[in-house]
Amino acid sequence: AAKLFSEKGFEAATMAQIARQAELAPGTLYLYFKSKDELYFA
């Protein structure tokens, strides 16, 4: 998430892109963070 936020900006980066960057399924990502703003806060 940090990599994509810095490269694309918060608005442009998506949870699907973050999941791909982390090499995880989107469903797995949501088990840890319910939303993009929760990820940003973390």
All heavy atoms as atom14 arrays in JSON, in Angstrom:
{
  "sequence": "AAKLFSEKGFEAATMAQIARQAELAPGTLYLYFKSKDELYFA",
  "atom14_mask": [
    [1, 1, 1, 1, 1, 0, 0, 0, 0, 0, 0, 0, 0, 0],
    [1, 1, 1, 1, 1, 0, 0, 0, 0, 0, 0, 0, 0, 0],
    [1, 1, 1, 1, 1, 1, 1, 1, 1, 0, 0, 0, 0, 0],
    [1, 1, 1, 1, 1, 1, 1, 1, 0, 0, 0, 0, 0, 0],
    [1, 1, 1, 1, 1, 1, 1, 1, 1, 1, 1, 0, 0, 0],
    [1, 1, 1, 1, 1, 1, 0, 0, 0, 0, 0, 0, 0, 0],
    [1, 1, 1, 1, 1, 1, 1, 1, 1, 0, 0, 0, 0, 0],
    [1, 1, 1, 1, 1, 1, 1, 1, 1, 0, 0, 0, 0, 0],
    [1, 1, 1, 1, 0, 0, 0, 0, 0, 0, 0, 0, 0, 0],
    [1, 1, 1, 1, 1, 1, 1, 1, 1, 1, 1, 0, 0, 0],
    [1, 1, 1, 1, 1, 1, 1, 1, 1, 0, 0, 0, 0, 0],
    [1, 1, 1, 1, 1, 0, 0, 0, 0, 0, 0, 0, 0, 0],
    [1, 1, 1, 1, 1, 0, 0, 0, 0, 0, 0, 0, 0, 0],
    [1, 1, 1, 1, 1, 1, 1, 0, 0, 0, 0, 0, 0, 0],
    [1, 1, 1, 1, 1, 1, 1, 1, 0, 0, 0, 0, 0, 0],
    [1, 1, 1, 1, 1, 0, 0, 0, 0, 0, 0, 0, 0, 0],
    [1, 1, 1, 1, 1, 1, 1, 1, 1, 0, 0, 0, 0, 0],
    [1, 1, 1, 1, 1, 1, 1, 1, 0, 0, 0, 0, 0, 0],
    [1, 1, 1, 1, 1, 0, 0, 0, 0, 0, 0, 0, 0, 0],
    [1, 1, 1, 1, 1, 1, 1, 1, 1, 1, 1, 0, 0, 0],
    [1, 1, 1, 1, 1, 1, 1, 1, 1, 0, 0, 0, 0, 0],
    [1, 1, 1, 1, 1, 0, 0, 0, 0, 0, 0, 0, 0, 0],
    [1, 1, 1, 1, 1, 1, 1, 1, 1, 0, 0, 0, 0, 0],
    [1, 1, 1, 1, 1, 1, 1, 1, 0, 0, 0, 0, 0, 0],
    [1, 1, 1, 1, 1, 0, 0, 0, 0, 0, 0, 0, 0, 0],
    [1, 1, 1, 1, 1, 1, 1, 0, 0, 0, 0, 0, 0, 0],
    [1, 1, 1, 1, 0, 0, 0, 0, 0, 0, 0, 0, 0, 0],
    [1, 1, 1, 1, 1, 1, 1, 0, 0, 0, 0, 0, 0, 0],
    [1, 1, 1, 1, 1, 1, 1, 1, 0, 0, 0, 0, 0, 0],
    [1, 1, 1, 1, 1, 1, 1, 1, 1, 1, 1, 1, 0, 0],
    [1, 1, 1, 1, 1, 1, 1, 1, 0, 0, 0, 0, 0, 0],
    [1, 1, 1, 1, 1, 1, 1, 1, 1, 1, 1, 1, 0, 0],
    [1, 1, 1, 1, 1, 1, 1, 1, 1, 1, 1, 0, 0, 0],
    [1, 1, 1, 1, 1, 1, 1, 1, 1, 0, 0, 0, 0, 0],
    [1, 1, 1, 1, 1, 1, 0, 0, 0, 0, 0, 0, 0, 0],
    [1, 1, 1, 1, 1, 1, 1, 1, 1, 0, 0, 0, 0, 0],
    [1, 1, 1, 1, 1, 1, 1, 1, 0, 0, 0, 0, 0, 0],
    [1, 1, 1, 1, 1, 1, 1, 1, 1, 0, 0, 0, 0, 0],
    [1, 1, 1, 1, 1, 1, 1, 1, 0, 0, 0, 0, 0, 0],
    [1, 1, 1, 1, 1, 1, 1, 1, 1, 1, 1, 1, 0, 0],
    [1, 1, 1, 1, 1, 1, 1, 1, 1, 1, 1, 0, 0, 0],
    [1, 1, 1, 1, 1, 0, 0, 0, 0, 0, 0, 0, 0, 0]
  ],
  "atom14_positions": [
    [[0.83, -1.21, 0.0], [0.0, 0.0, 0.0], [0.86, 1.25, 0.0], [0.58, 2.22, -0.72], [-0.92, 0.0, 1.21], [0.0, 0.0, 0.0], [0.0, 0.0, 0.0], [0.0, 0.0, 0.0], [0.0, 0.0, 0.0], [0.0, 0.0, 0.0], [0.0, 0.0, 0.0], [0.0, 0.0, 0.0], [0.0, 0.0, 0.0], [0.0, 0.0, 0.0]],
    [[1.91, 1.27, 0.81], [2.8, 2.44, 0.86], [3.42, 2.71, -0.51], [3.51, 3.87, -0.94], [3.9, 2.22, 1.91], [0.0, 0.0, 0.0], [0.0, 0.0, 0.0], [0.0, 0.0, 0.0], [0.0, 0.0, 0.0], [0.0, 0.0, 0.0], [0.0, 0.0, 0.0], [0.0, 0.0, 0.0], [0.0, 0.0, 0.0], [0.0, 0.0, 0.0]],
    [[3.83, 1.66, -1.19], [4.43, 1.82, -2.52], [3.43, 2.4, -3.51], [3.74, 3.35, -4.24], [4.93, 0.46, -3.02], [5.7, 0.51, -4.34], [6.26, -0.86, -4.68], [7.19, -0.78, -5.89], [6.53, -0.29, -7.1], [0.0, 0.0, 0.0], [0.0, 0.0, 0.0], [0.0, 0.0, 0.0], [0.0, 0.0, 0.0], [0.0, 0.0, 0.0]],
    [[2.22, 1.87, -3.53], [1.22, 2.34, -4.49], [0.72, 3.74, -4.14], [0.49, 4.56, -5.03], [0.05, 1.36, -4.56], [0.35, 0.06, -5.3], [-0.84, -0.88, -5.23], [0.71, 0.33, -6.76], [0.0, 0.0, 0.0], [0.0, 0.0, 0.0], [0.0, 0.0, 0.0], [0.0, 0.0, 0.0], [0.0, 0.0, 0.0], [0.0, 0.0, 0.0]],
    [[0.54, 4.04, -2.85], [0.1, 5.38, -2.46], [1.12, 6.43, -2.91], [0.76, 7.52, -3.36], [-0.1, 5.47, -0.95], [-1.32, 4.74, -0.44], [-1.41, 4.36, 0.89], [-2.37, 4.44, -1.28], [-2.53, 3.7, 1.36], [-3.5, 3.77, -0.83], [-3.57, 3.4, 0.51], [0.0, 0.0, 0.0], [0.0, 0.0, 0.0], [0.0, 0.0, 0.0]],
    [[2.41, 6.11, -2.74], [3.45, 7.08, -3.11], [3.57, 7.22, -4.62], [3.88, 8.3, -5.13], [4.8, 6.67, -2.51], [5.25, 5.45, -3.04], [0.0, 0.0, 0.0], [0.0, 0.0, 0.0], [0.0, 0.0, 0.0], [0.0, 0.0, 0.0], [0.0, 0.0, 0.0], [0.0, 0.0, 0.0], [0.0, 0.0, 0.0], [0.0, 0.0, 0.0]],
    [[3.33, 6.14, -5.36], [3.47, 6.18, -6.82], [2.23, 6.72, -7.52], [2.35, 7.5, -8.48], [3.77, 4.77, -7.35], [5.14, 4.24, -6.96], [5.37, 2.83, -7.44], [4.42, 2.2, -7.96], [6.51, 2.34, -7.29], [0.0, 0.0, 0.0], [0.0, 0.0, 0.0], [0.0, 0.0, 0.0], [0.0, 0.0, 0.0], [0.0, 0.0, 0.0]],
    [[1.04, 6.32, -7.06], [-0.2, 6.67, -7.75], [-1.0, 7.76, -7.04], [-1.84, 8.41, -7.65], [-1.09, 5.42, -7.9], [-0.51, 4.33, -8.78], [-1.43, 3.13, -8.81], [-0.96, 2.09, -9.81], [-1.13, 2.55, -11.21], [0.0, 0.0, 0.0], [0.0, 0.0, 0.0], [0.0, 0.0, 0.0], [0.0, 0.0, 0.0], [0.0, 0.0, 0.0]],
    [[-0.77, 7.92, -5.74], [-1.62, 8.8, -4.94], [-2.72, 7.99, -4.29], [-3.1, 6.91, -4.79], [0.0, 0.0, 0.0], [0.0, 0.0, 0.0], [0.0, 0.0, 0.0], [0.0, 0.0, 0.0], [0.0, 0.0, 0.0], [0.0, 0.0, 0.0], [0.0, 0.0, 0.0], [0.0, 0.0, 0.0], [0.0, 0.0, 0.0], [0.0, 0.0, 0.0]],
    [[-3.25, 8.5, -3.2], [-4.26, 7.76, -2.46], [-5.51, 7.51, -3.29], [-6.05, 6.41, -3.3], [-4.63, 8.53, -1.19], [-5.72, 7.88, -0.38], [-5.43, 6.85, 0.48], [-7.03, 8.3, -0.51], [-6.43, 6.23, 1.22], [-8.06, 7.7, 0.22], [-7.74, 6.66, 1.09], [0.0, 0.0, 0.0], [0.0, 0.0, 0.0], [0.0, 0.0, 0.0]],
    [[-5.99, 8.55, -3.98], [-7.24, 8.41, -4.72], [-7.13, 7.4, -5.85], [-8.05, 6.61, -6.08], [-7.68, 9.77, -5.29], [-8.19, 10.76, -4.26], [-7.05, 11.56, -3.64], [-5.87, 11.25, -3.94], [-7.34, 12.47, -2.84], [0.0, 0.0, 0.0], [0.0, 0.0, 0.0], [0.0, 0.0, 0.0], [0.0, 0.0, 0.0], [0.0, 0.0, 0.0]],
    [[-6.02, 7.4, -6.56], [-5.88, 6.54, -7.75], [-5.61, 5.08, -7.38], [-6.02, 4.17, -8.11], [-4.77, 7.07, -8.65], [0.0, 0.0, 0.0], [0.0, 0.0, 0.0], [0.0, 0.0, 0.0], [0.0, 0.0, 0.0], [0.0, 0.0, 0.0], [0.0, 0.0, 0.0], [0.0, 0.0, 0.0], [0.0, 0.0, 0.0], [0.0, 0.0, 0.0]],
    [[-4.93, 4.85, -6.3], [-4.62, 3.47, -5.9], [-5.9, 2.77, -5.45], [-6.72, 3.35, -4.74], [-3.59, 3.46, -4.77], [0.0, 0.0, 0.0], [0.0, 0.0, 0.0], [0.0, 0.0, 0.0], [0.0, 0.0, 0.0], [0.0, 0.0, 0.0], [0.0, 0.0, 0.0], [0.0, 0.0, 0.0], [0.0, 0.0, 0.0], [0.0, 0.0, 0.0]],
    [[-6.08, 1.53, -5.86], [-7.27, 0.77, -5.49], [-6.89, -0.41, -4.61], [-5.73, -0.86, -4.6], [-8.0, 0.25, -6.74], [-7.17, -0.74, -7.38], [-8.3, 1.38, -7.72], [0.0, 0.0, 0.0], [0.0, 0.0, 0.0], [0.0, 0.0, 0.0], [0.0, 0.0, 0.0], [0.0, 0.0, 0.0], [0.0, 0.0, 0.0], [0.0, 0.0, 0.0]],
    [[-7.89, -0.93, -3.91], [-7.64, -2.1, -3.07], [-7.24, -3.31, -3.93], [-6.41, -4.12, -3.53], [-8.88, -2.42, -2.24], [-9.18, -1.39, -1.16], [-7.99, -1.43, 0.2], [-8.71, -2.72, 1.24], [0.0, 0.0, 0.0], [0.0, 0.0, 0.0], [0.0, 0.0, 0.0], [0.0, 0.0, 0.0], [0.0, 0.0, 0.0], [0.0, 0.0, 0.0]],
    [[-7.81, -3.41, -5.13], [-7.45, -4.51, -6.02], [-5.98, -4.42, -6.43], [-5.27, -5.43, -6.49], [-8.35, -4.5, -7.26], [0.0, 0.0, 0.0], [0.0, 0.0, 0.0], [0.0, 0.0, 0.0], [0.0, 0.0, 0.0], [0.0, 0.0, 0.0], [0.0, 0.0, 0.0], [0.0, 0.0, 0.0], [0.0, 0.0, 0.0], [0.0, 0.0, 0.0]],
    [[-5.53, -3.19, -6.72], [-4.13, -3.0, -7.09], [-3.2, -3.32, -5.92], [-2.13, -3.9, -6.1], [-3.9, -1.56, -7.55], [-4.54, -1.23, -8.89], [-4.5, 0.24, -9.21], [-4.35, 1.09, -8.32], [-4.63, 0.57, -10.48], [0.0, 0.0, 0.0], [0.0, 0.0, 0.0], [0.0, 0.0, 0.0], [0.0, 0.0, 0.0], [0.0, 0.0, 0.0]],
    [[-3.62, -2.93, -4.73], [-2.81, -3.21, -3.54], [-2.71, -4.72, -3.32], [-1.65, -5.24, -3.0], [-3.41, -2.51, -2.3], [-3.28, -0.99, -2.45], [-2.71, -2.98, -1.02], [-4.06, -0.2, -1.41], [0.0, 0.0, 0.0], [0.0, 0.0, 0.0], [0.0, 0.0, 0.0], [0.0, 0.0, 0.0], [0.0, 0.0, 0.0], [0.0, 0.0, 0.0]],
    [[-3.82, -5.42, -3.52], [-3.81, -6.87, -3.38], [-2.85, -7.51, -4.38], [-2.08, -8.42, -4.03], [-5.23, -7.42, -3.56], [0.0, 0.0, 0.0], [0.0, 0.0, 0.0], [0.0, 0.0, 0.0], [0.0, 0.0, 0.0], [0.0, 0.0, 0.0], [0.0, 0.0, 0.0], [0.0, 0.0, 0.0], [0.0, 0.0, 0.0], [0.0, 0.0, 0.0]],
    [[-2.89, -7.03, -5.63], [-1.98, -7.59, -6.64], [-0.53, -7.3, -6.29], [0.35, -8.15, -6.44], [-2.31, -7.01, -8.02], [-3.55, -7.61, -8.66], [-3.6, -7.32, -10.15], [-3.68, -5.89, -10.42], [-4.81, -5.21, -10.5], [-5.98, -5.82, -10.31], [-4.8, -3.92, -10.77], [0.0, 0.0, 0.0], [0.0, 0.0, 0.0], [0.0, 0.0, 0.0]],
    [[-0.26, -6.07, -5.81], [1.1, -5.7, -5.42], [1.6, -6.57, -4.28], [2.78, -6.94, -4.24], [1.13, -4.22, -5.01], [2.48, -3.68, -4.58], [3.47, -3.59, -5.72], [3.09, -3.32, -6.87], [4.74, -3.83, -5.45], [0.0, 0.0, 0.0], [0.0, 0.0, 0.0], [0.0, 0.0, 0.0], [0.0, 0.0, 0.0], [0.0, 0.0, 0.0]],
    [[0.7, -6.91, -3.38], [1.06, -7.76, -2.24], [1.02, -9.24, -2.59], [1.33, -10.08, -1.73], [0.11, -7.48, -1.07], [0.0, 0.0, 0.0], [0.0, 0.0, 0.0], [0.0, 0.0, 0.0], [0.0, 0.0, 0.0], [0.0, 0.0, 0.0], [0.0, 0.0, 0.0], [0.0, 0.0, 0.0], [0.0, 0.0, 0.0], [0.0, 0.0, 0.0]],
    [[0.61, -9.55, -3.83], [0.5, -10.94, -4.31], [-0.48, -11.74, -3.45], [-0.21, -12.88, -3.04], [1.88, -11.62, -4.33], [2.86, -10.93, -5.27], [4.21, -11.62, -5.32], [4.49, -12.47, -4.44], [5.0, -11.31, -6.23], [0.0, 0.0, 0.0], [0.0, 0.0, 0.0], [0.0, 0.0, 0.0], [0.0, 0.0, 0.0], [0.0, 0.0, 0.0]],
    [[-1.62, -11.11, -3.2], [-2.67, -11.74, -2.41], [-3.99, -11.62, -3.16], [-4.19, -10.73, -3.98], [-2.81, -11.07, -1.04], [-1.61, -11.15, -0.09], [-1.85, -10.25, 1.11], [-1.38, -12.59, 0.36], [0.0, 0.0, 0.0], [0.0, 0.0, 0.0], [0.0, 0.0, 0.0], [0.0, 0.0, 0.0], [0.0, 0.0, 0.0], [0.0, 0.0, 0.0]],
    [[-4.91, -12.48, -2.82], [-6.27, -12.35, -3.37], [-6.97, -11.17, -2.7], [-6.73, -10.9, -1.51], [-7.05, -13.64, -3.11], [0.0, 0.0, 0.0], [0.0, 0.0, 0.0], [0.0, 0.0, 0.0], [0.0, 0.0, 0.0], [0.0, 0.0, 0.0], [0.0, 0.0, 0.0], [0.0, 0.0, 0.0], [0.0, 0.0, 0.0], [0.0, 0.0, 0.0]],
    [[-7.83, -10.45, -3.44], [-8.53, -9.31, -2.83], [-9.28, -9.7, -1.56], [-9.31, -8.92, -0.6], [-9.5, -8.88, -3.94], [-8.81, -9.28, -5.21], [-8.11, -10.57, -4.88], [0.0, 0.0, 0.0], [0.0, 0.0, 0.0], [0.0, 0.0, 0.0], [0.0, 0.0, 0.0], [0.0, 0.0, 0.0], [0.0, 0.0, 0.0], [0.0, 0.0, 0.0]],
    [[-9.86, -10.89, -1.55], [-10.58, -11.32, -0.36], [-9.68, -11.43, 0.85], [-10.08, -11.11, 1.98], [0.0, 0.0, 0.0], [0.0, 0.0, 0.0], [0.0, 0.0, 0.0], [0.0, 0.0, 0.0], [0.0, 0.0, 0.0], [0.0, 0.0, 0.0], [0.0, 0.0, 0.0], [0.0, 0.0, 0.0], [0.0, 0.0, 0.0], [0.0, 0.0, 0.0]],
    [[-8.45, -11.85, 0.63], [-7.49, -11.96, 1.74], [-7.15, -10.57, 2.28], [-7.03, -10.38, 3.5], [-6.2, -12.66, 1.26], [-6.54, -13.95, 0.76], [-5.21, -12.79, 2.4], [0.0, 0.0, 0.0], [0.0, 0.0, 0.0], [0.0, 0.0, 0.0], [0.0, 0.0, 0.0], [0.0, 0.0, 0.0], [0.0, 0.0, 0.0], [0.0, 0.0, 0.0]],
    [[-7.01, -9.61, 1.36], [-6.7, -8.24, 1.77], [-7.77, -7.7, 2.72], [-7.46, -7.09, 3.76], [-6.6, -7.35, 0.53], [-6.29, -5.87, 0.77], [-4.9, -5.7, 1.36], [-6.4, -5.1, -0.54], [0.0, 0.0, 0.0], [0.0, 0.0, 0.0], [0.0, 0.0, 0.0], [0.0, 0.0, 0.0], [0.0, 0.0, 0.0], [0.0, 0.0, 0.0]],
    [[-9.03, -7.96, 2.41], [-10.13, -7.43, 3.22], [-10.25, -8.14, 4.57], [-10.95, -7.65, 5.46], [-11.45, -7.52, 2.45], [-11.61, -6.43, 1.42], [-11.34, -6.68, 0.08], [-12.0, -5.15, 1.8], [-11.47, -5.68, -0.88], [-12.15, -4.14, 0.85], [-11.87, -4.41, -0.48], [-12.0, -3.41, -1.42], [0.0, 0.0, 0.0], [0.0, 0.0, 0.0]],
    [[-9.59, -9.25, 4.73], [-9.57, -9.9, 6.04], [-8.72, -9.09, 7.03], [-8.91, -9.17, 8.23], [-8.99, -11.32, 5.94], [-9.85, -12.35, 5.2], [-9.09, -13.67, 5.09], [-11.17, -12.57, 5.93], [0.0, 0.0, 0.0], [0.0, 0.0, 0.0], [0.0, 0.0, 0.0], [0.0, 0.0, 0.0], [0.0, 0.0, 0.0], [0.0, 0.0, 0.0]],
    [[-7.8, -8.3, 6.47], [-6.87, -7.52, 7.31], [-7.28, -6.05, 7.41], [-7.11, -5.43, 8.45], [-5.46, -7.63, 6.75], [-4.84, -9.0, 6.93], [-5.11, -10.03, 6.03], [-4.02, -9.27, 8.01], [-4.57, -11.29, 6.21], [-3.46, -10.53, 8.2], [-3.75, -11.54, 7.29], [-3.2, -12.79, 7.48], [0.0, 0.0, 0.0], [0.0, 0.0, 0.0]],
    [[-7.79, -5.51, 6.31], [-8.18, -4.1, 6.28], [-9.51, -3.97, 5.55], [-9.63, -4.41, 4.41], [-7.1, -3.25, 5.59], [-5.77, -3.29, 6.28], [-4.77, -4.16, 5.83], [-5.51, -2.5, 7.39], [-3.55, -4.21, 6.47], [-4.28, -2.54, 8.03], [-3.3, -3.41, 7.57], [0.0, 0.0, 0.0], [0.0, 0.0, 0.0], [0.0, 0.0, 0.0]],
    [[-10.48, -3.36, 6.19], [-11.82, -3.28, 5.63], [-11.94, -2.24, 4.53], [-12.86, -2.29, 3.71], [-12.83, -2.98, 6.74], [-12.93, -4.08, 7.78], [-13.93, -3.71, 8.86], [-14.02, -4.8, 9.92], [-14.96, -4.45, 11.02], [0.0, 0.0, 0.0], [0.0, 0.0, 0.0], [0.0, 0.0, 0.0], [0.0, 0.0, 0.0], [0.0, 0.0, 0.0]],
    [[-11.03, -1.24, 4.52], [-11.13, -0.16, 3.55], [-9.76, 0.45, 3.28], [-8.81, 0.21, 4.03], [-12.08, 0.93, 4.06], [-11.56, 1.51, 5.25], [0.0, 0.0, 0.0], [0.0, 0.0, 0.0], [0.0, 0.0, 0.0], [0.0, 0.0, 0.0], [0.0, 0.0, 0.0], [0.0, 0.0, 0.0], [0.0, 0.0, 0.0], [0.0, 0.0, 0.0]],
    [[-9.7, 1.25, 2.24], [-8.45, 1.9, 1.88], [-8.04, 2.95, 2.92], [-6.85, 3.1, 3.22], [-8.59, 2.55, 0.49], [-7.28, 3.01, -0.11], [-7.42, 3.32, -1.59], [-8.38, 4.47, -1.84], [-8.33, 4.94, -3.24], [0.0, 0.0, 0.0], [0.0, 0.0, 0.0], [0.0, 0.0, 0.0], [0.0, 0.0, 0.0], [0.0, 0.0, 0.0]],
    [[-9.02, 3.65, 3.49], [-8.67, 4.64, 4.5], [-8.16, 3.98, 5.78], [-7.3, 4.52, 6.48], [-9.86, 5.57, 4.81], [-11.1, 4.82, 5.24], [-11.7, 4.17, 4.38], [-11.45, 4.89, 6.44], [0.0, 0.0, 0.0], [0.0, 0.0, 0.0], [0.0, 0.0, 0.0], [0.0, 0.0, 0.0], [0.0, 0.0, 0.0], [0.0, 0.0, 0.0]],
    [[-8.66, 2.78, 6.09], [-8.13, 2.06, 7.25], [-6.68, 1.66, 7.01], [-5.84, 1.73, 7.92], [-8.98, 0.81, 7.51], [-8.54, 0.02, 8.74], [-9.42, -1.2, 9.0], [-10.64, -1.11, 8.76], [-8.88, -2.22, 9.44], [0.0, 0.0, 0.0], [0.0, 0.0, 0.0], [0.0, 0.0, 0.0], [0.0, 0.0, 0.0], [0.0, 0.0, 0.0]],
    [[-6.37, 1.28, 5.77], [-5.0, 0.95, 5.4], [-4.1, 2.18, 5.54], [-2.98, 2.1, 6.06], [-4.99, 0.46, 3.95], [-4.47, -0.94, 3.66], [-4.63, -1.27, 2.19], [-3.05, -1.11, 4.1], [0.0, 0.0, 0.0], [0.0, 0.0, 0.0], [0.0, 0.0, 0.0], [0.0, 0.0, 0.0], [0.0, 0.0, 0.0], [0.0, 0.0, 0.0]],
    [[-4.59, 3.29, 5.06], [-3.81, 4.54, 5.12], [-3.53, 4.92, 6.57], [-2.4, 5.3, 6.92], [-4.59, 5.66, 4.42], [-3.79, 6.91, 4.21], [-2.96, 7.05, 3.09], [-3.84, 7.97, 5.11], [-2.23, 8.2, 2.89], [-3.12, 9.12, 4.92], [-2.31, 9.23, 3.8], [-1.57, 10.38, 3.61], [0.0, 0.0, 0.0], [0.0, 0.0, 0.0]],
    [[-4.52, 4.81, 7.43], [-4.33, 5.12, 8.84], [-3.31, 4.18, 9.46], [-2.46, 4.61, 10.27], [-5.66, 5.01, 9.59], [-5.57, 5.35, 11.05], [-5.67, 6.67, 11.48], [-5.37, 4.35, 12.0], [-5.58, 6.98, 12.83], [-5.26, 4.66, 13.34], [-5.38, 5.98, 13.76], [0.0, 0.0, 0.0], [0.0, 0.0, 0.0], [0.0, 0.0, 0.0]],
    [[-3.36, 2.91, 9.1], [-2.43, 1.92, 9.65], [-0.99, 2.2, 9.23], [-0.05, 1.78, 9.91], [-2.83, 0.51, 9.21], [0.0, 0.0, 0.0], [0.0, 0.0, 0.0], [0.0, 0.0, 0.0], [0.0, 0.0, 0.0], [0.0, 0.0, 0.0], [0.0, 0.0, 0.0], [0.0, 0.0, 0.0], [0.0, 0.0, 0.0], [0.0, 0.0, 0.0]]
  ]
}
